[in-house]
Amino acid sequence: MRIHTVHVRAGEEPVLVREGFSLGALLLPTLWFLVNRMWLVAVLHLAAMVALALVLPQAVAGWVLAAAEILVALHARDLRRWTLARRGYALVGVVAAAKEEEAFLRLAAERPDLFGGAATRGGAAIAGTPA
């Protein structure tokens, strides 16, 4: 079971952000940030990596950069939540599901108001949502 946080902004569909490590952010971090429309984070990440590469001695630069990329991958989804909050999205709850599609279905069943009222009420596993 995976945990997703639910973020909403007036007039738009909810955005689900999965908890946990991001392999995409580990392998291609700047590209992952750009694909997720995290422009500020992408620029700051690129600037920080270039600065570290230029400042650190060559003997340790590789190890430090690798460790920094692992930390980025561990916190990439938190950075996505931060970016959504900066754009005016509110955290309204948490949904547990095996896949993202299932998480959307559970969310639509529990909170049809977030989707314009098209869904019916069901027994979804959502925590932290107002009653």
C-alpha atoms as a PDB file:
ATOM      1  CA  MET A   1       0.000   0.000   0.000  1.00  0.00           C
ATOM      2  CA  ARG A   2       1.366   3.405  -0.982  1.00  0.00           C
ATOM      3  CA  ILE A   3       0.515   6.681   0.683  1.00  0.00           C
ATOM      4  CA  HIS A   4      -0.391   9.748  -1.396  1.00  0.00           C
ATOM      5  CA  THR A   5      -1.004  13.271  -0.169  1.00  0.00           C
ATOM      6  CA  VAL A   6      -3.909  15.127  -1.765  1.00  0.00           C
ATOM      7  CA  HIS A   7      -3.435  18.743  -2.848  1.00  0.00           C
ATOM      8  CA  VAL A   8      -6.213  20.950  -4.253  1.00  0.00           C
ATOM      9  CA  ARG A   9      -6.586  24.434  -5.646  1.00  0.00           C
ATOM     10  CA  ALA A  10      -9.929  26.068  -6.444  1.00  0.00           C
ATOM     11  CA  GLY A  11     -11.239  25.165  -9.876  1.00  0.00           C
ATOM     12  CA  GLU A  12      -8.654  22.456 -10.609  1.00  0.00           C
ATOM     13  CA  GLU A  13      -8.400  18.698 -10.307  1.00  0.00           C
ATOM     14  CA  PRO A  14      -6.670  17.351  -7.184  1.00  0.00           C
ATOM     15  CA  VAL A  15      -2.984  16.492  -7.407  1.00  0.00           C
ATOM     16  CA  LEU A  16      -1.700  13.352  -5.697  1.00  0.00           C
ATOM     17  CA  VAL A  17       1.904  13.189  -4.542  1.00  0.00           C
ATOM     18  CA  ARG A  18       3.249   9.808  -3.505  1.00  0.00           C
ATOM     19  CA  GLU A  19       5.322   9.474  -0.349  1.00  0.00           C
ATOM     20  CA  GLY A  20       8.824   8.072  -0.457  1.00  0.00           C
ATOM     21  CA  PHE A  21      12.002   7.802  -2.480  1.00  0.00           C
ATOM     22  CA  SER A  22      12.030   8.900  -6.148  1.00  0.00           C
ATOM     23  CA  LEU A  23      14.202   6.820  -8.468  1.00  0.00           C
ATOM     24  CA  GLY A  24      13.630   9.299 -11.303  1.00  0.00           C
ATOM     25  CA  ALA A  25      14.938  12.123  -9.136  1.00  0.00           C
ATOM     26  CA  LEU A  26      18.015  10.039  -8.347  1.00  0.00           C
ATOM     27  CA  LEU A  27      18.841   9.135 -11.944  1.00  0.00           C
ATOM     28  CA  LEU A  28      17.926  12.402 -13.719  1.00  0.00           C
ATOM     29  CA  PRO A  29      17.138  14.963 -11.019  1.00  0.00           C
ATOM     30  CA  THR A  30      17.007  18.171 -13.061  1.00  0.00           C
ATOM     31  CA  LEU A  31      14.890  16.521 -15.740  1.00  0.00           C
ATOM     32  CA  TRP A  32      12.591  15.046 -13.066  1.00  0.00           C
ATOM     33  CA  PHE A  33      12.116  18.523 -11.584  1.00  0.00           C
ATOM     34  CA  LEU A  34      11.350  20.021 -14.998  1.00  0.00           C
ATOM     35  CA  VAL A  35       8.863  17.263 -15.894  1.00  0.00           C
ATOM     36  CA  ASN A  36       7.076  17.946 -12.599  1.00  0.00           C
ATOM     37  CA  ARG A  37       7.035  21.718 -13.343  1.00  0.00           C
ATOM     38  CA  MET A  38       9.331  22.521 -10.437  1.00  0.00           C
ATOM     39  CA  TRP A  39      11.261  25.322 -12.151  1.00  0.00           C
ATOM     40  CA  LEU A  40      12.707  27.008  -9.072  1.00  0.00           C
ATOM     41  CA  VAL A  41      13.834  23.701  -7.563  1.00  0.00           C
ATOM     42  CA  ALA A  42      15.458  22.685 -10.879  1.00  0.00           C
ATOM     43  CA  VAL A  43      17.438  25.931 -11.077  1.00  0.00           C
ATOM     44  CA  LEU A  44      18.487  25.769  -7.417  1.00  0.00           C
ATOM     45  CA  HIS A  45      19.497  22.115  -7.769  1.00  0.00           C
ATOM     46  CA  LEU A  46      21.581  22.778 -10.863  1.00  0.00           C
ATOM     47  CA  ALA A  47      23.243  25.806  -9.270  1.00  0.00           C
ATOM     48  CA  ALA A  48      24.021  23.913  -6.059  1.00  0.00           C
ATOM     49  CA  MET A  49      25.534  20.942  -7.899  1.00  0.00           C
ATOM     50  CA  VAL A  50      27.713  23.182 -10.087  1.00  0.00           C
ATOM     51  CA  ALA A  51      28.827  25.205  -7.054  1.00  0.00           C
ATOM     52  CA  LEU A  52      29.704  22.048  -5.117  1.00  0.00           C
ATOM     53  CA  ALA A  53      31.622  20.639  -8.074  1.00  0.00           C
ATOM     54  CA  LEU A  54      33.621  23.850  -8.405  1.00  0.00           C
ATOM     55  CA  VAL A  55      34.312  24.414  -4.704  1.00  0.00           C
ATOM     56  CA  LEU A  56      35.087  20.909  -3.462  1.00  0.00           C
ATOM     57  CA  PRO A  57      38.466  19.247  -3.958  1.00  0.00           C
ATOM     58  CA  GLN A  58      38.377  16.731  -6.800  1.00  0.00           C
ATOM     59  CA  ALA A  59      39.207  13.860  -4.444  1.00  0.00           C
ATOM     60  CA  VAL A  60      35.951  14.213  -2.496  1.00  0.00           C
ATOM     61  CA  ALA A  61      33.696  15.979  -5.013  1.00  0.00           C
ATOM     62  CA  GLY A  62      32.336  12.750  -6.486  1.00  0.00           C
ATOM     63  CA  TRP A  63      31.393  11.325  -3.097  1.00  0.00           C
ATOM     64  CA  VAL A  64      29.783  14.528  -1.887  1.00  0.00           C
ATOM     65  CA  LEU A  65      27.819  14.989  -5.122  1.00  0.00           C
ATOM     66  CA  ALA A  66      26.619  11.376  -4.989  1.00  0.00           C
ATOM     67  CA  ALA A  67      25.514  11.813  -1.380  1.00  0.00           C
ATOM     68  CA  ALA A  68      23.758  15.083  -2.285  1.00  0.00           C
ATOM     69  CA  GLU A  69      21.886  13.372  -5.128  1.00  0.00           C
ATOM     70  CA  ILE A  70      20.726  10.604  -2.782  1.00  0.00           C
ATOM     71  CA  LEU A  71      19.404  13.256  -0.386  1.00  0.00           C
ATOM     72  CA  VAL A  72      17.657  14.984  -3.284  1.00  0.00           C
ATOM     73  CA  ALA A  73      15.991  11.694  -4.281  1.00  0.00           C
ATOM     74  CA  LEU A  74      14.886  11.102  -0.690  1.00  0.00           C
ATOM     75  CA  HIS A  75      13.273  14.556  -0.484  1.00  0.00           C
ATOM     76  CA  ALA A  76      12.150  15.101  -4.103  1.00  0.00           C
ATOM     77  CA  ARG A  77       8.492  14.441  -3.365  1.00  0.00           C
ATOM     78  CA  ASP A  78       8.626  16.793  -0.364  1.00  0.00           C
ATOM     79  CA  LEU A  79      10.051  19.438  -2.698  1.00  0.00           C
ATOM     80  CA  ARG A  80       7.111  18.778  -5.026  1.00  0.00           C
ATOM     81  CA  ARG A  81       4.685  19.330  -2.129  1.00  0.00           C
ATOM     82  CA  TRP A  82       6.531  22.563  -1.279  1.00  0.00           C
ATOM     83  CA  THR A  83       6.215  23.716  -4.901  1.00  0.00           C
ATOM     84  CA  LEU A  84       2.492  22.945  -4.929  1.00  0.00           C
ATOM     85  CA  ALA A  85       2.035  24.895  -1.680  1.00  0.00           C
ATOM     86  CA  ARG A  86       3.844  27.870  -3.237  1.00  0.00           C
ATOM     87  CA  ARG A  87       1.375  27.717  -6.135  1.00  0.00           C
ATOM     88  CA  GLY A  88      -1.627  27.892  -3.812  1.00  0.00           C
ATOM     89  CA  TYR A  89      -2.494  24.207  -3.487  1.00  0.00           C
ATOM     90  CA  ALA A  90      -3.791  23.169  -0.086  1.00  0.00           C
ATOM     91  CA  LEU A  91      -3.062  19.832   1.521  1.00  0.00           C
ATOM     92  CA  VAL A  92      -6.492  18.344   2.220  1.00  0.00           C
ATOM     93  CA  GLY A  93      -5.750  14.755   3.116  1.00  0.00           C
ATOM     94  CA  VAL A  94      -3.994  11.482   2.624  1.00  0.00           C
ATOM     95  CA  VAL A  95      -5.115   8.463   0.632  1.00  0.00           C
ATOM     96  CA  ALA A  96      -3.693   4.930   0.739  1.00  0.00           C
ATOM     97  CA  ALA A  97      -3.779   2.762  -2.372  1.00  0.00           C
ATOM     98  CA  ALA A  98      -1.594   0.327  -4.298  1.00  0.00           C
ATOM     99  CA  LYS A  99      -1.533   2.470  -7.466  1.00  0.00           C
ATOM    100  CA  GLU A 100      -2.176   6.117  -8.286  1.00  0.00           C
ATOM    101  CA  GLU A 101      -5.294   5.279 -10.327  1.00  0.00           C
ATOM    102  CA  GLU A 102      -6.757   3.426  -7.364  1.00  0.00           C
ATOM    103  CA  ALA A 103      -5.883   6.372  -5.129  1.00  0.00           C
ATOM    104  CA  PHE A 104      -7.836   8.717  -7.438  1.00  0.00           C
ATOM    105  CA  LEU A 105     -10.823   6.358  -7.373  1.00  0.00           C
ATOM    106  CA  ARG A 106     -10.750   6.174  -3.565  1.00  0.00           C
ATOM    107  CA  LEU A 107     -10.443   9.940  -3.353  1.00  0.00           C
ATOM    108  CA  ALA A 108     -13.346  10.455  -5.774  1.00  0.00           C
ATOM    109  CA  ALA A 109     -15.482   8.044  -3.766  1.00  0.00           C
ATOM    110  CA  GLU A 110     -14.723   9.718  -0.439  1.00  0.00           C
ATOM    111  CA  ARG A 111     -14.528  13.362  -1.561  1.00  0.00           C
ATOM    112  CA  PRO A 112     -16.697  13.862  -4.665  1.00  0.00           C
ATOM    113  CA  ASP A 113     -16.737  17.602  -3.936  1.00  0.00           C
ATOM    114  CA  LEU A 114     -13.103  17.776  -5.113  1.00  0.00           C
ATOM    115  CA  PHE A 115     -14.156  16.469  -8.544  1.00  0.00           C
ATOM    116  CA  GLY A 116     -17.297  18.496  -9.087  1.00  0.00           C
ATOM    117  CA  GLY A 117     -19.595  15.986  -7.374  1.00  0.00           C
ATOM    118  CA  ALA A 118     -19.535  13.355 -10.178  1.00  0.00           C
ATOM    119  CA  ALA A 119     -18.453  10.438  -7.962  1.00  0.00           C
ATOM    120  CA  THR A 120     -20.481   8.489  -5.426  1.00  0.00           C
ATOM    121  CA  ARG A 121     -19.556   8.046  -1.804  1.00  0.00           C
ATOM    122  CA  GLY A 122     -17.655   4.882  -0.838  1.00  0.00           C
ATOM    123  CA  GLY A 123     -15.409   3.341   1.791  1.00  0.00           C
ATOM    124  CA  ALA A 124     -12.077   4.944   0.921  1.00  0.00           C
ATOM    125  CA  ALA A 125      -9.056   4.946   3.233  1.00  0.00           C
ATOM    126  CA  ILE A 126      -8.523   8.708   3.584  1.00  0.00           C
ATOM    127  CA  ALA A 127      -7.074  10.191   6.738  1.00  0.00           C
ATOM    128  CA  GLY A 128      -6.919  13.822   7.756  1.00  0.00           C
ATOM    129  CA  THR A 129      -9.807  15.076   5.627  1.00  0.00           C
ATOM    130  CA  PRO A 130     -12.499  17.260   7.128  1.00  0.00           C
ATOM    131  CA  ALA A 131     -15.814  15.499   7.713  1.00  0.00           C
END
